[in-house]
Every structure is written in C-alpha cells, then in structure tokens.
Amino acid sequence: MNHSHSHSHPHSPYRKLWLVFVLSFTYMIAEIIGGLLSGSLALLADAGHMAIDTAGIGLGLFASWIATKPPTDKKTFGYYRVEILAALINGALLISASLWIIYEAWTRFSHPHEVKGALLSWVAGGGLLVNLIGAKLLHSHSHDSLNLRGVWLHLMSDLLGSISAVVAGVLVWRLGWNWADPLSSILISLLILVGAWKLVSEAVHVLLEGVPHELDTQKIKEAMSKVSGVKGVFDLHIWTVASGLHALSAHVAIEDETSHKKMLGALSELLKREFSITHTTIQLEPEDYHHEEGHPDHCGLNPHSHDH
C-alpha cells in the first residue's frame, strides 16, 4: 500500500482578513446609524449585509486558524474541512439575509417610507469605499480556498449593494423616487443569492465527497491503465479534502513480474504531473485478483474503507 501525502495548505492572509474585519465592523455601525436617520431600507439592508460580512469574516478567520492545527489520531486529515463548513455557513447566512431583505422591500412597496436621499447617498458612498478596500485586499486570495472565496463573495456582493444604494439615494434625493430604495434592496438581494447559491453548492459537493469539477474520473482511469504493467484499475475514488487538496484511492491489478516499488512511483508521478493529485492511496494486486463490482465498497459509497 502506498500513501503519498502532501498537506501543504495555502497560507492564510491573517493580517488582511483582520484589517477587513475591523473596517467592516466599524462601517457597519455607521450604516446602521445612517439607515435609521435616513429611513432607508437599502442602507439598513446594506448594514445588515455588512453585519453578516463581519460574522462571515470572523468565521473565516477562525477556519483559517483551526485549519493549521496538525492531524490527530481521531482526526487523521486534521481540520481542513472546517473551511468548507465555514463556506457553507457563510452561504446559508447570505441566502437567509437576501430573502429577508426581499420580504422587507416588498412591504415597502405597499407602505412607502420617507427616505432622506442625500444622507443615504453619502453613507452608502462611504460603504462603497470600505468594500472597495476590502475586495482589493483579498482579491489575490479569492481562489485559494472556498472559505476565502466565501469572504470575498460577501465583500463583492456588499460592494454591488453599496453601488445600488448610492444610485437609489441619488434618485430619491434628486427626483423624489422613493420606490428606488426598496427596488435597490431587491436588486442587491438577487445579486447576493446568485453568488451564495453557487458557494453553498460547491461546499455541499465537497462534503458529499464529489469528484472535483476540474477532474475527469474516466480520463484518470485511462491514464493509469496505460502505465506499463497495469492490467486494470478498480475501486477508483477521487474527492476533495479541502480546497486545493485532492485525494485519490484505487486498487490496481498488475502483472506478476512487475516491481511494486517502480509501479507505485510511476503511478504517483503520473497523478501528480498530469492531474495535480498529491494525496494518493494505491493498493497493488495480482492481475487475477477477483473484484466484486457489486459490493458497496466498489461502487464509490465508501472512499476510505477497503477490506481485503
């Protein structure tokens, strides 16, 4: 049995996350005050979203920290999956907040509120600046992990929300169009829902041990089968431990005279070079070994257990 492990995890941008956390928390207070004084639902919605941003960033900081803790006898993969849970919770919070904002906006159409457009515009403009700074700080890390992507999505959706609130403020201020405020809130929420749904879907896919989207199981099986001495590849399982850390396990039937050491080296090198899979568990077996394809363990239901 060969175990090739590479637990290198992307460096967590702690300082940038902390700075964005402080900026978001500080301006959240300003937007709540501004929303109450101006009577703007769009601004209060943006403040509520920023509150979720702050909680999401805090969750991201916690996940980034705990993911660095080493594996234990009880948690042999360590705490890498915490970042996936953080992304899932962030996405769920975003969806919940968006639905609440849409409901509140709908009631505003029926019962219009007076909105102080000038105050709304200035406060929303400040929120726009804060979100621009935060998005810029984390942009280079937005593809490092689902956790960081979740935080970045928070900031981007809040950035779009601030733009929408500024426009609504100008329309109310200059033209007296009070309906622009709830309409802006609905547009903000719809934009948030799109990103949040994608984030939740990706997190659930990882938690259900789905094959990474960028990998093709059939192509990997074919590539392994072409290695000299390989007679068959069985029980092939590919999953994601955490963002950027893919794992593979397989049973490989080989010719009797084939060197196990050379075969393991060739397969591991192939998977690393062609598919960037560095965590592999490969069991070599005689070519006449009998595989029961109907057994649950051979159908992909249990990627970690192989009893032979």
C-alpha atoms as a PDB file:
ATOM      1  CA  MET A   1       0.000   0.000   0.000  1.00  0.00           C
ATOM      2  CA  ASN A   2       1.365   3.395  -0.947  1.00  0.00           C
ATOM      3  CA  HIS A   3       0.424   6.594   0.840  1.00  0.00           C
ATOM      4  CA  SER A   4       1.642   9.769  -0.762  1.00  0.00           C
ATOM      5  CA  HIS A   5       0.645  12.742   1.369  1.00  0.00           C
ATOM      6  CA  SER A   6       1.134  16.413   0.700  1.00  0.00           C
ATOM      7  CA  HIS A   7      -0.710  18.528   3.233  1.00  0.00           C
ATOM      8  CA  SER A   8       0.515  21.906   2.058  1.00  0.00           C
ATOM      9  CA  HIS A   9      -2.237  24.395   2.735  1.00  0.00           C
ATOM     10  CA  PRO A  10      -2.394  27.883   1.216  1.00  0.00           C
ATOM     11  CA  HIS A  11      -1.033  30.499   3.592  1.00  0.00           C
ATOM     12  CA  SER A  12      -3.929  32.220   5.290  1.00  0.00           C
ATOM     13  CA  PRO A  13      -3.863  36.019   4.860  1.00  0.00           C
ATOM     14  CA  TYR A  14      -4.498  36.694   8.558  1.00  0.00           C
ATOM     15  CA  ARG A  15      -3.451  40.342   8.572  1.00  0.00           C
ATOM     16  CA  LYS A  16      -5.572  41.244   5.570  1.00  0.00           C
ATOM     17  CA  LEU A  17      -8.563  39.375   6.969  1.00  0.00           C
ATOM     18  CA  TRP A  18      -8.202  41.174  10.299  1.00  0.00           C
ATOM     19  CA  LEU A  19      -7.984  44.556   8.582  1.00  0.00           C
ATOM     20  CA  VAL A  20     -11.089  43.833   6.501  1.00  0.00           C
ATOM     21  CA  PHE A  21     -12.854  42.614   9.657  1.00  0.00           C
ATOM     22  CA  VAL A  22     -12.131  45.874  11.516  1.00  0.00           C
ATOM     23  CA  LEU A  23     -13.143  48.023   8.524  1.00  0.00           C
ATOM     24  CA  SER A  24     -16.394  46.113   8.013  1.00  0.00           C
ATOM     25  CA  PHE A  25     -17.354  46.171  11.687  1.00  0.00           C
ATOM     26  CA  THR A  26     -16.649  49.891  12.032  1.00  0.00           C
ATOM     27  CA  TYR A  27     -18.623  50.906   8.963  1.00  0.00           C
ATOM     28  CA  MET A  28     -21.449  48.509   9.815  1.00  0.00           C
ATOM     29  CA  ILE A  29     -22.133  50.687  12.860  1.00  0.00           C
ATOM     30  CA  ALA A  30     -22.037  53.815  10.672  1.00  0.00           C
ATOM     31  CA  GLU A  31     -24.523  52.311   8.185  1.00  0.00           C
ATOM     32  CA  ILE A  32     -26.935  51.240  10.916  1.00  0.00           C
ATOM     33  CA  ILE A  33     -26.940  54.791  12.309  1.00  0.00           C
ATOM     34  CA  GLY A  34     -27.228  56.261   8.809  1.00  0.00           C
ATOM     35  CA  GLY A  35     -30.054  53.887   7.884  1.00  0.00           C
ATOM     36  CA  LEU A  36     -32.055  54.775  10.984  1.00  0.00           C
ATOM     37  CA  LEU A  37     -31.536  58.522  10.483  1.00  0.00           C
ATOM     38  CA  SER A  38     -32.335  58.460   6.748  1.00  0.00           C
ATOM     39  CA  GLY A  39     -35.169  55.928   6.919  1.00  0.00           C
ATOM     40  CA  SER A  40     -33.578  53.937   4.079  1.00  0.00           C
ATOM     41  CA  LEU A  41     -34.257  50.208   3.810  1.00  0.00           C
ATOM     42  CA  ALA A  42     -31.483  49.904   1.211  1.00  0.00           C
ATOM     43  CA  LEU A  43     -28.985  51.305   3.698  1.00  0.00           C
ATOM     44  CA  LEU A  44     -30.261  49.155   6.559  1.00  0.00           C
ATOM     45  CA  ALA A  45     -30.173  46.153   4.226  1.00  0.00           C
ATOM     46  CA  ASP A  46     -26.598  47.009   3.323  1.00  0.00           C
ATOM     47  CA  ALA A  47     -25.782  47.395   7.034  1.00  0.00           C
ATOM     48  CA  GLY A  48     -27.382  44.019   7.747  1.00  0.00           C
ATOM     49  CA  HIS A  49     -25.382  42.500   4.949  1.00  0.00           C
ATOM     50  CA  MET A  50     -22.234  44.090   6.309  1.00  0.00           C
ATOM     51  CA  ALA A  51     -23.066  42.596   9.712  1.00  0.00           C
ATOM     52  CA  ILE A  52     -23.201  39.179   8.055  1.00  0.00           C
ATOM     53  CA  ASP A  53     -19.947  40.055   6.277  1.00  0.00           C
ATOM     54  CA  THR A  54     -18.342  40.771   9.625  1.00  0.00           C
ATOM     55  CA  ALA A  55     -19.608  37.490  11.074  1.00  0.00           C
ATOM     56  CA  GLY A  56     -18.504  35.679   7.919  1.00  0.00           C
ATOM     57  CA  ILE A  57     -15.012  37.176   8.060  1.00  0.00           C
ATOM     58  CA  GLY A  58     -14.779  36.246  11.733  1.00  0.00           C
ATOM     59  CA  LEU A  59     -15.789  32.704  10.802  1.00  0.00           C
ATOM     60  CA  GLY A  60     -13.204  32.772   8.018  1.00  0.00           C
ATOM     61  CA  LEU A  61     -10.502  33.841  10.459  1.00  0.00           C
ATOM     62  CA  PHE A  62     -11.446  31.020  12.827  1.00  0.00           C
ATOM     63  CA  ALA A  63     -11.471  28.480   9.984  1.00  0.00           C
ATOM     64  CA  SER A  64      -8.092  29.695   8.687  1.00  0.00           C
ATOM     65  CA  TRP A  65      -6.610  29.351  12.155  1.00  0.00           C
ATOM     66  CA  ILE A  66      -8.011  25.947  13.051  1.00  0.00           C
ATOM     67  CA  ALA A  67      -7.113  24.522   9.610  1.00  0.00           C
ATOM     68  CA  THR A  68      -3.436  24.929  10.564  1.00  0.00           C
ATOM     69  CA  LYS A  69      -3.801  22.551  13.537  1.00  0.00           C
ATOM     70  CA  PRO A  70      -1.988  19.239  12.902  1.00  0.00           C
ATOM     71  CA  PRO A  71      -3.799  15.900  12.341  1.00  0.00           C
ATOM     72  CA  THR A  72      -4.561  13.720  15.359  1.00  0.00           C
ATOM     73  CA  ASP A  73      -5.290  10.039  15.899  1.00  0.00           C
ATOM     74  CA  LYS A  74      -9.010  10.841  15.843  1.00  0.00           C
ATOM     75  CA  LYS A  75      -8.884  13.390  13.001  1.00  0.00           C
ATOM     76  CA  THR A  76      -6.310  11.970  10.611  1.00  0.00           C
ATOM     77  CA  PHE A  77      -6.964  14.637   7.953  1.00  0.00           C
ATOM     78  CA  GLY A  78      -6.656  17.402  10.534  1.00  0.00           C
ATOM     79  CA  TYR A  79      -9.145  20.268  10.441  1.00  0.00           C
ATOM     80  CA  TYR A  80      -9.003  21.171   6.745  1.00  0.00           C
ATOM     81  CA  ARG A  81     -12.734  20.560   6.320  1.00  0.00           C
ATOM     82  CA  VAL A  82     -13.574  23.383   8.756  1.00  0.00           C
ATOM     83  CA  GLU A  83     -13.036  25.853   5.917  1.00  0.00           C
ATOM     84  CA  ILE A  84     -15.664  24.017   3.857  1.00  0.00           C
ATOM     85  CA  LEU A  85     -18.118  24.196   6.762  1.00  0.00           C
ATOM     86  CA  ALA A  86     -17.345  27.910   7.118  1.00  0.00           C
ATOM     87  CA  ALA A  87     -18.103  28.433   3.420  1.00  0.00           C
ATOM     88  CA  LEU A  88     -21.383  26.514   3.788  1.00  0.00           C
ATOM     89  CA  ILE A  89     -22.459  28.571   6.804  1.00  0.00           C
ATOM     90  CA  ASN A  90     -21.475  31.812   5.061  1.00  0.00           C
ATOM     91  CA  GLY A  91     -23.551  30.874   2.022  1.00  0.00           C
ATOM     92  CA  ALA A  92     -26.549  29.943   4.158  1.00  0.00           C
ATOM     93  CA  LEU A  93     -26.325  33.263   6.031  1.00  0.00           C
ATOM     94  CA  LEU A  94     -26.203  35.175   2.738  1.00  0.00           C
ATOM     95  CA  ILE A  95     -29.273  33.358   1.395  1.00  0.00           C
ATOM     96  CA  SER A  96     -31.218  33.964   4.615  1.00  0.00           C
ATOM     97  CA  ALA A  97     -30.344  37.656   4.658  1.00  0.00           C
ATOM     98  CA  SER A  98     -31.277  38.077   0.992  1.00  0.00           C
ATOM     99  CA  LEU A  99     -34.712  36.519   1.459  1.00  0.00           C
ATOM    100  CA  TRP A 100     -35.370  38.731   4.477  1.00  0.00           C
ATOM    101  CA  ILE A 101     -34.379  41.874   2.552  1.00  0.00           C
ATOM    102  CA  ILE A 102     -36.658  40.926  -0.370  1.00  0.00           C
ATOM    103  CA  TYR A 103     -39.577  40.452   2.027  1.00  0.00           C
ATOM    104  CA  GLU A 104     -38.960  43.813   3.711  1.00  0.00           C
ATOM    105  CA  ALA A 105     -38.599  45.557   0.340  1.00  0.00           C
ATOM    106  CA  TRP A 106     -41.892  44.088  -0.861  1.00  0.00           C
ATOM    107  CA  THR A 107     -43.709  45.504   2.168  1.00  0.00           C
ATOM    108  CA  ARG A 108     -42.171  48.917   1.441  1.00  0.00           C
ATOM    109  CA  PHE A 109     -43.823  48.990  -1.963  1.00  0.00           C
ATOM    110  CA  SER A 110     -47.173  48.660  -0.195  1.00  0.00           C
ATOM    111  CA  HIS A 111     -46.314  51.077   2.610  1.00  0.00           C
ATOM    112  CA  PRO A 112     -43.817  53.659   1.313  1.00  0.00           C
ATOM    113  CA  HIS A 113     -41.457  55.323   3.790  1.00  0.00           C
ATOM    114  CA  GLU A 114     -39.951  58.755   3.547  1.00  0.00           C
ATOM    115  CA  VAL A 115     -36.247  58.468   2.735  1.00  0.00           C
ATOM    116  CA  LYS A 116     -33.558  61.141   3.152  1.00  0.00           C
ATOM    117  CA  GLY A 117     -31.813  60.640  -0.149  1.00  0.00           C
ATOM    118  CA  ALA A 118     -28.811  62.890   0.462  1.00  0.00           C
ATOM    119  CA  LEU A 119     -27.842  61.147   3.710  1.00  0.00           C
ATOM    120  CA  LEU A 120     -28.433  57.759   2.087  1.00  0.00           C
ATOM    121  CA  SER A 121     -26.095  58.658  -0.797  1.00  0.00           C
ATOM    122  CA  TRP A 122     -23.238  59.878   1.388  1.00  0.00           C
ATOM    123  CA  VAL A 123     -23.331  56.977   3.830  1.00  0.00           C
ATOM    124  CA  ALA A 124     -23.677  54.416   1.018  1.00  0.00           C
ATOM    125  CA  GLY A 125     -20.731  56.096  -0.731  1.00  0.00           C
ATOM    126  CA  GLY A 126     -18.609  55.546   2.378  1.00  0.00           C
ATOM    127  CA  GLY A 127     -19.666  51.885   2.421  1.00  0.00           C
ATOM    128  CA  LEU A 128     -18.682  51.612  -1.211  1.00  0.00           C
ATOM    129  CA  LEU A 129     -15.185  52.867  -0.384  1.00  0.00           C
ATOM    130  CA  VAL A 130     -14.808  50.421   2.521  1.00  0.00           C
ATOM    131  CA  ASN A 131     -15.907  47.476   0.366  1.00  0.00           C
ATOM    132  CA  LEU A 132     -13.553  48.509  -2.433  1.00  0.00           C
ATOM    133  CA  ILE A 133     -10.637  48.453   0.000  1.00  0.00           C
ATOM    134  CA  GLY A 134     -11.659  45.055   1.407  1.00  0.00           C
ATOM    135  CA  ALA A 135     -12.219  43.498  -2.018  1.00  0.00           C
ATOM    136  CA  LYS A 136      -8.855  44.797  -3.218  1.00  0.00           C
ATOM    137  CA  LEU A 137      -7.052  43.368  -0.178  1.00  0.00           C
ATOM    138  CA  LEU A 138      -8.496  39.869  -0.622  1.00  0.00           C
ATOM    139  CA  HIS A 139      -8.735  39.670  -4.418  1.00  0.00           C
ATOM    140  CA  SER A 140      -5.419  37.822  -4.827  1.00  0.00           C
ATOM    141  CA  HIS A 141      -6.563  35.184  -2.286  1.00  0.00           C
ATOM    142  CA  SER A 142     -10.133  34.713  -3.584  1.00  0.00           C
ATOM    143  CA  HIS A 143      -9.235  31.454  -5.371  1.00  0.00           C
ATOM    144  CA  ASP A 144      -7.093  29.971  -2.590  1.00  0.00           C
ATOM    145  CA  SER A 145      -9.973  28.256  -0.819  1.00  0.00           C
ATOM    146  CA  LEU A 146     -13.761  28.073  -0.595  1.00  0.00           C
ATOM    147  CA  ASN A 147     -13.521  29.783   2.775  1.00  0.00           C
ATOM    148  CA  LEU A 148     -11.693  32.826   1.374  1.00  0.00           C
ATOM    149  CA  ARG A 149     -13.910  32.819  -1.701  1.00  0.00           C
ATOM    150  CA  GLY A 150     -16.911  32.977   0.625  1.00  0.00           C
ATOM    151  CA  VAL A 151     -15.474  36.018   2.400  1.00  0.00           C
ATOM    152  CA  TRP A 152     -14.610  37.660  -0.933  1.00  0.00           C
ATOM    153  CA  LEU A 153     -18.130  36.978  -2.241  1.00  0.00           C
ATOM    154  CA  HIS A 154     -19.509  38.712   0.841  1.00  0.00           C
ATOM    155  CA  LEU A 155     -17.416  41.774   0.043  1.00  0.00           C
ATOM    156  CA  MET A 156     -18.262  41.792  -3.666  1.00  0.00           C
ATOM    157  CA  SER A 157     -21.977  41.446  -3.095  1.00  0.00           C
ATOM    158  CA  ASP A 158     -21.780  44.202  -0.480  1.00  0.00           C
ATOM    159  CA  LEU A 159     -19.842  46.312  -2.991  1.00  0.00           C
ATOM    160  CA  LEU A 160     -22.650  45.896  -5.527  1.00  0.00           C
ATOM    161  CA  GLY A 161     -25.122  46.650  -2.773  1.00  0.00           C
ATOM    162  CA  SER A 162     -23.358  49.895  -1.935  1.00  0.00           C
ATOM    163  CA  ILE A 163     -23.392  50.939  -5.595  1.00  0.00           C
ATOM    164  CA  SER A 164     -27.111  50.186  -5.781  1.00  0.00           C
ATOM    165  CA  ALA A 165     -27.746  52.136  -2.568  1.00  0.00           C
ATOM    166  CA  VAL A 166     -25.810  55.145  -3.884  1.00  0.00           C
ATOM    167  CA  VAL A 167     -27.885  55.155  -7.084  1.00  0.00           C
ATOM    168  CA  ALA A 168     -31.101  54.796  -5.098  1.00  0.00           C
ATOM    169  CA  GLY A 169     -30.030  57.660  -2.843  1.00  0.00           C
ATOM    170  CA  VAL A 170     -29.420  59.967  -5.808  1.00  0.00           C
ATOM    171  CA  LEU A 171     -32.797  59.042  -7.355  1.00  0.00           C
ATOM    172  CA  VAL A 172     -34.617  59.717  -4.093  1.00  0.00           C
ATOM    173  CA  TRP A 173     -32.597  62.880  -3.376  1.00  0.00           C
ATOM    174  CA  ARG A 174     -32.809  64.498  -6.818  1.00  0.00           C
ATOM    175  CA  LEU A 175     -36.021  63.084  -8.281  1.00  0.00           C
ATOM    176  CA  GLY A 176     -38.067  62.116  -5.222  1.00  0.00           C
ATOM    177  CA  TRP A 177     -38.410  58.495  -6.401  1.00  0.00           C
ATOM    178  CA  ASN A 178     -38.870  56.767  -3.030  1.00  0.00           C
ATOM    179  CA  TRP A 179     -39.633  53.464  -4.768  1.00  0.00           C
ATOM    180  CA  ALA A 180     -35.977  53.344  -5.856  1.00  0.00           C
ATOM    181  CA  ASP A 181     -34.999  52.445  -2.279  1.00  0.00           C
ATOM    182  CA  PRO A 182     -36.901  49.099  -1.996  1.00  0.00           C
ATOM    183  CA  LEU A 183     -36.159  48.325  -5.650  1.00  0.00           C
ATOM    184  CA  SER A 184     -32.458  48.754  -4.938  1.00  0.00           C
ATOM    185  CA  SER A 185     -32.801  46.398  -1.969  1.00  0.00           C
ATOM    186  CA  ILE A 186     -34.345  43.671  -4.147  1.00  0.00           C
ATOM    187  CA  LEU A 187     -31.624  44.014  -6.789  1.00  0.00           C
ATOM    188  CA  ILE A 188     -28.951  43.753  -4.088  1.00  0.00           C
ATOM    189  CA  SER A 189     -30.580  40.597  -2.726  1.00  0.00           C
ATOM    190  CA  LEU A 190     -30.879  38.900  -6.117  1.00  0.00           C
ATOM    191  CA  LEU A 191     -27.186  39.523  -6.796  1.00  0.00           C
ATOM    192  CA  ILE A 192     -26.284  38.095  -3.408  1.00  0.00           C
ATOM    193  CA  LEU A 193     -28.446  34.994  -3.953  1.00  0.00           C
ATOM    194  CA  VAL A 194     -26.632  34.024  -7.161  1.00  0.00           C
ATOM    195  CA  GLY A 195     -23.175  34.001  -5.539  1.00  0.00           C
ATOM    196  CA  ALA A 196     -24.420  32.462  -2.302  1.00  0.00           C
ATOM    197  CA  TRP A 197     -26.153  29.565  -4.072  1.00  0.00           C
ATOM    198  CA  LYS A 198     -23.005  28.754  -6.026  1.00  0.00           C
ATOM    199  CA  LEU A 199     -20.930  28.846  -2.834  1.00  0.00           C
ATOM    200  CA  VAL A 200     -23.337  26.534  -0.982  1.00  0.00           C
ATOM    201  CA  SER A 201     -23.479  24.141  -3.945  1.00  0.00           C
ATOM    202  CA  GLU A 202     -19.685  23.860  -4.112  1.00  0.00           C
ATOM    203  CA  ALA A 203     -19.390  23.335  -0.353  1.00  0.00           C
ATOM    204  CA  VAL A 204     -22.062  20.601  -0.373  1.00  0.00           C
ATOM    205  CA  HIS A 205     -20.334  18.920  -3.341  1.00  0.00           C
ATOM    206  CA  VAL A 206     -17.099  18.724  -1.341  1.00  0.00           C
ATOM    207  CA  LEU A 207     -18.862  17.466   1.805  1.00  0.00           C
ATOM    208  CA  LEU A 208     -20.580  14.740  -0.251  1.00  0.00           C
ATOM    209  CA  GLU A 209     -17.168  13.558  -1.430  1.00  0.00           C
ATOM    210  CA  GLY A 210     -17.910  14.571  -5.033  1.00  0.00           C
ATOM    211  CA  VAL A 211     -15.213  14.354  -7.689  1.00  0.00           C
ATOM    212  CA  PRO A 212     -13.534  17.796  -8.103  1.00  0.00           C
ATOM    213  CA  HIS A 213     -15.124  19.635 -11.038  1.00  0.00           C
ATOM    214  CA  GLU A 214     -11.820  20.092 -12.839  1.00  0.00           C
ATOM    215  CA  LEU A 215     -11.030  16.357 -12.827  1.00  0.00           C
ATOM    216  CA  ASP A 216     -12.415  13.625 -15.105  1.00  0.00           C
ATOM    217  CA  THR A 217     -12.596  10.188 -13.460  1.00  0.00           C
ATOM    218  CA  GLN A 218     -12.611   8.322 -16.778  1.00  0.00           C
ATOM    219  CA  LYS A 219      -9.551  10.166 -18.101  1.00  0.00           C
ATOM    220  CA  ILE A 220      -7.642   9.461 -14.892  1.00  0.00           C
ATOM    221  CA  LYS A 221      -8.560   5.768 -15.031  1.00  0.00           C
ATOM    222  CA  GLU A 222      -7.474   5.568 -18.674  1.00  0.00           C
ATOM    223  CA  ALA A 223      -4.165   7.299 -17.934  1.00  0.00           C
ATOM    224  CA  MET A 224      -3.424   4.925 -15.062  1.00  0.00           C
ATOM    225  CA  SER A 225      -4.344   1.918 -17.215  1.00  0.00           C
ATOM    226  CA  LYS A 226      -1.788   2.950 -19.861  1.00  0.00           C
ATOM    227  CA  VAL A 227       1.129   2.669 -17.425  1.00  0.00           C
ATOM    228  CA  SER A 228       3.319  -0.277 -18.419  1.00  0.00           C
ATOM    229  CA  GLY A 229       2.488  -3.338 -16.322  1.00  0.00           C
ATOM    230  CA  VAL A 230      -1.017  -2.234 -15.285  1.00  0.00           C
ATOM    231  CA  LYS A 231      -3.739  -4.789 -16.114  1.00  0.00           C
ATOM    232  CA  GLY A 232      -6.700  -2.984 -14.566  1.00  0.00           C
ATOM    233  CA  VAL A 233      -7.814  -0.150 -12.271  1.00  0.00           C
ATOM    234  CA  PHE A 234     -10.635  -0.790  -9.793  1.00  0.00           C
ATOM    235  CA  ASP A 235     -12.391   0.983  -6.895  1.00  0.00           C
ATOM    236  CA  LEU A 236     -11.182   4.368  -8.111  1.00  0.00           C
ATOM    237  CA  HIS A 237     -12.272   7.161  -5.784  1.00  0.00           C
ATOM    238  CA  ILE A 238     -11.404  10.840  -6.080  1.00  0.00           C
ATOM    239  CA  TRP A 239     -12.518  13.504  -3.638  1.00  0.00           C
ATOM    240  CA  THR A 240     -11.562  16.850  -2.136  1.00  0.00           C
ATOM    241  CA  VAL A 241     -10.290  17.061   1.434  1.00  0.00           C
ATOM    242  CA  ALA A 242     -10.145  20.863   1.295  1.00  0.00           C
ATOM    243  CA  SER A 243      -9.691  23.494  -1.400  1.00  0.00           C
ATOM    244  CA  GLY A 244      -6.595  22.640  -3.431  1.00  0.00           C
ATOM    245  CA  LEU A 245      -6.102  19.276  -1.679  1.00  0.00           C
ATOM    246  CA  HIS A 246      -7.470  16.404  -3.762  1.00  0.00           C
ATOM    247  CA  ALA A 247      -7.204  12.763  -2.733  1.00  0.00           C
ATOM    248  CA  LEU A 248      -7.343   9.504  -4.695  1.00  0.00           C
ATOM    249  CA  SER A 249      -7.576   5.868  -3.720  1.00  0.00           C
ATOM    250  CA  ALA A 250      -7.541   2.885  -6.088  1.00  0.00           C
ATOM    251  CA  HIS A 251      -6.864  -0.815  -6.432  1.00  0.00           C
ATOM    252  CA  VAL A 252      -4.538  -1.554  -9.351  1.00  0.00           C
ATOM    253  CA  ALA A 253      -4.060  -5.036 -10.812  1.00  0.00           C
ATOM    254  CA  ILE A 254      -0.546  -5.535 -12.206  1.00  0.00           C
ATOM    255  CA  GLU A 255       1.491  -8.179 -13.999  1.00  0.00           C
ATOM    256  CA  ASP A 256       3.095 -10.656 -11.588  1.00  0.00           C
ATOM    257  CA  GLU A 257       6.682  -9.786 -12.540  1.00  0.00           C
ATOM    258  CA  THR A 258       6.180  -6.026 -12.174  1.00  0.00           C
ATOM    259  CA  SER A 259       8.194  -4.261  -9.455  1.00  0.00           C
ATOM    260  CA  HIS A 260       5.841  -2.852  -6.835  1.00  0.00           C
ATOM    261  CA  LYS A 261       8.246  -0.042  -5.979  1.00  0.00           C
ATOM    262  CA  LYS A 262       8.589   1.113  -9.584  1.00  0.00           C
ATOM    263  CA  MET A 263       4.849   0.797 -10.210  1.00  0.00           C
ATOM    264  CA  LEU A 264       3.931   2.897  -7.181  1.00  0.00           C
ATOM    265  CA  GLY A 265       6.467   5.513  -8.205  1.00  0.00           C
ATOM    266  CA  ALA A 266       5.203   5.626 -11.783  1.00  0.00           C
ATOM    267  CA  LEU A 267       1.539   5.923 -10.784  1.00  0.00           C
ATOM    268  CA  SER A 268       2.207   8.558  -8.119  1.00  0.00           C
ATOM    269  CA  GLU A 269       4.299  10.628 -10.525  1.00  0.00           C
ATOM    270  CA  LEU A 270       1.636  10.357 -13.244  1.00  0.00           C
ATOM    271  CA  LEU A 271      -1.151  11.513 -10.930  1.00  0.00           C
ATOM    272  CA  LYS A 272       0.942  14.385  -9.613  1.00  0.00           C
ATOM    273  CA  ARG A 273       2.183  15.528 -13.030  1.00  0.00           C
ATOM    274  CA  GLU A 274      -0.970  15.145 -15.111  1.00  0.00           C
ATOM    275  CA  PHE A 275      -3.739  15.796 -12.578  1.00  0.00           C
ATOM    276  CA  SER A 276      -2.096  17.608  -9.614  1.00  0.00           C
ATOM    277  CA  ILE A 277      -3.230  14.868  -7.222  1.00  0.00           C
ATOM    278  CA  THR A 278      -0.618  14.573  -4.491  1.00  0.00           C
ATOM    279  CA  HIS A 279      -2.522  12.602  -1.846  1.00  0.00           C
ATOM    280  CA  THR A 280      -2.778   9.036  -3.143  1.00  0.00           C
ATOM    281  CA  THR A 281      -3.524   5.634  -1.643  1.00  0.00           C
ATOM    282  CA  ILE A 282      -2.853   2.837  -4.142  1.00  0.00           C
ATOM    283  CA  GLN A 283      -3.178  -0.886  -3.433  1.00  0.00           C
ATOM    284  CA  LEU A 284      -1.376  -3.182  -5.899  1.00  0.00           C
ATOM    285  CA  GLU A 285      -2.826  -6.628  -6.519  1.00  0.00           C
ATOM    286  CA  PRO A 286      -2.154  -9.690  -8.743  1.00  0.00           C
ATOM    287  CA  GLU A 287      -3.768  -9.437 -12.177  1.00  0.00           C
ATOM    288  CA  ASP A 288      -6.028 -12.431 -11.451  1.00  0.00           C
ATOM    289  CA  TYR A 289      -7.396 -10.855  -8.243  1.00  0.00           C
ATOM    290  CA  HIS A 290     -11.199 -11.180  -8.119  1.00  0.00           C
ATOM    291  CA  HIS A 291     -13.142  -7.888  -7.761  1.00  0.00           C
ATOM    292  CA  GLU A 292     -16.772  -7.969  -6.740  1.00  0.00           C
ATOM    293  CA  GLU A 293     -18.071  -4.953  -8.637  1.00  0.00           C
ATOM    294  CA  GLY A 294     -21.471  -5.163  -6.981  1.00  0.00           C
ATOM    295  CA  HIS A 295     -20.082  -4.734  -3.465  1.00  0.00           C
ATOM    296  CA  PRO A 296     -20.843  -1.330  -1.879  1.00  0.00           C
ATOM    297  CA  ASP A 297     -17.134  -0.649  -1.366  1.00  0.00           C
ATOM    298  CA  HIS A 298     -16.665  -0.994  -5.138  1.00  0.00           C
ATOM    299  CA  CYS A 299     -19.439   1.421  -6.042  1.00  0.00           C
ATOM    300  CA  GLY A 300     -17.931   4.580  -4.593  1.00  0.00           C
ATOM    301  CA  LEU A 301     -20.008   4.607  -1.390  1.00  0.00           C
ATOM    302  CA  ASN A 302     -17.038   4.414   0.931  1.00  0.00           C
ATOM    303  CA  PRO A 303     -13.881   6.091  -0.344  1.00  0.00           C
ATOM    304  CA  HIS A 304     -11.917   5.368   2.821  1.00  0.00           C
ATOM    305  CA  SER A 305     -12.617   1.715   3.576  1.00  0.00           C
ATOM    306  CA  HIS A 306     -11.212  -1.226   1.662  1.00  0.00           C
ATOM    307  CA  ASP A 307     -11.375  -4.541   3.461  1.00  0.00           C
ATOM    308  CA  HIS A 308      -9.441  -7.357   1.820  1.00  0.00           C
END
